[in-house]
Amino acid sequence: MSLAEVRHMSCHKLDPERALAFEYGLMLVKTSAALWYTIGLCQRLALEAATDSPAHDGLMQQILARDQLPLSIYLWRQEPV
């Protein structure tokens, strides 16, 4: 789903199925914005990024590779109890 599609859906009254698609798209936009904020913060403060979410780790790895950004990311894995 593209940002343009999310914008378009935000301007219209949606049936329940399209409303769910809009919610999903909006969550993707928010996640992307949060990851970009994290990248910028880590670069400004000379920090390394860490997450416990494999999905967020994968998205951030894609952003860093695509834009050739030097940042270390660590995926924290919880041990089973």
Protein backbone atom coordinates (compact mmCIF):
# COMPACT_ATOMS: atom_id res chain seq x y z
CA MET A 1 0.00 0.00 0.00
CA SER A 2 1.38 3.41 -0.92
CA LEU A 3 1.18 6.69 0.96
CA ALA A 4 -0.93 8.07 -1.90
CA GLU A 5 -3.48 5.29 -1.37
CA VAL A 6 -3.66 6.00 2.36
CA ARG A 7 -4.15 9.71 1.65
CA HIS A 8 -6.88 8.96 -0.88
CA MET A 9 -8.74 6.66 1.51
CA SER A 10 -8.53 9.24 4.30
CA CYS A 11 -10.70 11.61 2.26
CA HIS A 12 -13.61 9.24 1.74
CA LYS A 13 -16.25 7.42 3.74
CA LEU A 14 -15.24 3.77 3.58
CA ASP A 15 -17.08 0.49 3.81
CA PRO A 16 -15.88 -1.74 6.68
CA GLU A 17 -13.45 -3.73 4.53
CA ARG A 18 -11.81 -0.62 3.07
CA ALA A 19 -11.77 0.96 6.54
CA LEU A 20 -9.64 -1.97 7.75
CA ALA A 21 -7.31 -1.51 4.78
CA PHE A 22 -7.03 2.18 5.66
CA GLU A 23 -6.22 1.34 9.31
CA TYR A 24 -3.52 -1.06 8.15
CA GLY A 25 -2.05 1.51 5.77
CA LEU A 26 -2.08 4.16 8.46
CA MET A 27 -0.23 1.80 10.83
CA LEU A 28 2.42 1.28 8.14
CA VAL A 29 2.87 5.04 7.76
CA LYS A 30 3.17 5.50 11.55
CA THR A 31 5.66 2.65 11.83
CA SER A 32 7.77 4.06 9.02
CA ALA A 33 7.76 7.51 10.63
CA ALA A 34 8.78 6.02 13.99
CA LEU A 35 11.64 4.10 12.38
CA TRP A 36 12.88 7.21 10.58
CA TYR A 37 12.72 9.14 13.87
CA THR A 38 14.73 6.38 15.54
CA ILE A 39 17.35 6.43 12.79
CA GLY A 40 17.73 10.22 13.02
CA LEU A 41 17.92 10.15 16.81
CA CYS A 42 20.56 7.42 16.79
CA GLN A 43 22.63 9.31 14.22
CA ARG A 44 22.42 12.61 16.12
CA LEU A 45 23.34 11.05 19.47
CA ALA A 46 25.80 8.46 18.10
CA LEU A 47 23.69 5.57 19.42
CA GLU A 48 22.95 2.09 18.12
CA ALA A 49 19.37 1.01 17.55
CA ALA A 50 17.77 -1.98 19.27
CA THR A 51 14.38 -3.65 18.93
CA ASP A 52 12.66 -6.77 20.14
CA SER A 53 10.46 -6.93 17.03
CA PRO A 54 11.71 -9.05 14.12
CA ALA A 55 9.30 -7.17 11.80
CA HIS A 56 10.66 -3.75 12.83
CA ASP A 57 14.22 -5.05 12.57
CA GLY A 58 13.54 -6.19 9.03
CA LEU A 59 11.94 -2.89 8.02
CA MET A 60 14.78 -0.87 9.51
CA GLN A 61 17.37 -3.09 7.80
CA GLN A 62 15.60 -2.43 4.47
CA ILE A 63 15.59 1.34 5.06
CA LEU A 64 19.27 1.37 5.98
CA ALA A 65 20.28 -0.78 2.99
CA ARG A 66 18.12 1.18 0.53
CA ASP A 67 19.41 4.56 1.66
CA GLN A 68 22.94 3.32 2.42
CA LEU A 69 22.83 4.58 6.01
CA PRO A 70 25.48 3.42 8.48
CA LEU A 71 23.70 2.36 11.66
CA SER A 72 24.02 -0.74 13.81
CA ILE A 73 20.79 -2.46 14.82
CA TYR A 74 20.43 -5.18 17.38
CA LEU A 75 17.47 -7.54 17.54
CA TRP A 76 16.87 -8.55 21.15
CA ARG A 77 15.56 -12.08 21.45
CA GLN A 78 13.84 -13.18 24.61
CA GLU A 79 14.71 -16.61 25.89
CA PRO A 80 11.74 -18.91 26.58
CA VAL A 81 10.82 -19.02 30.24
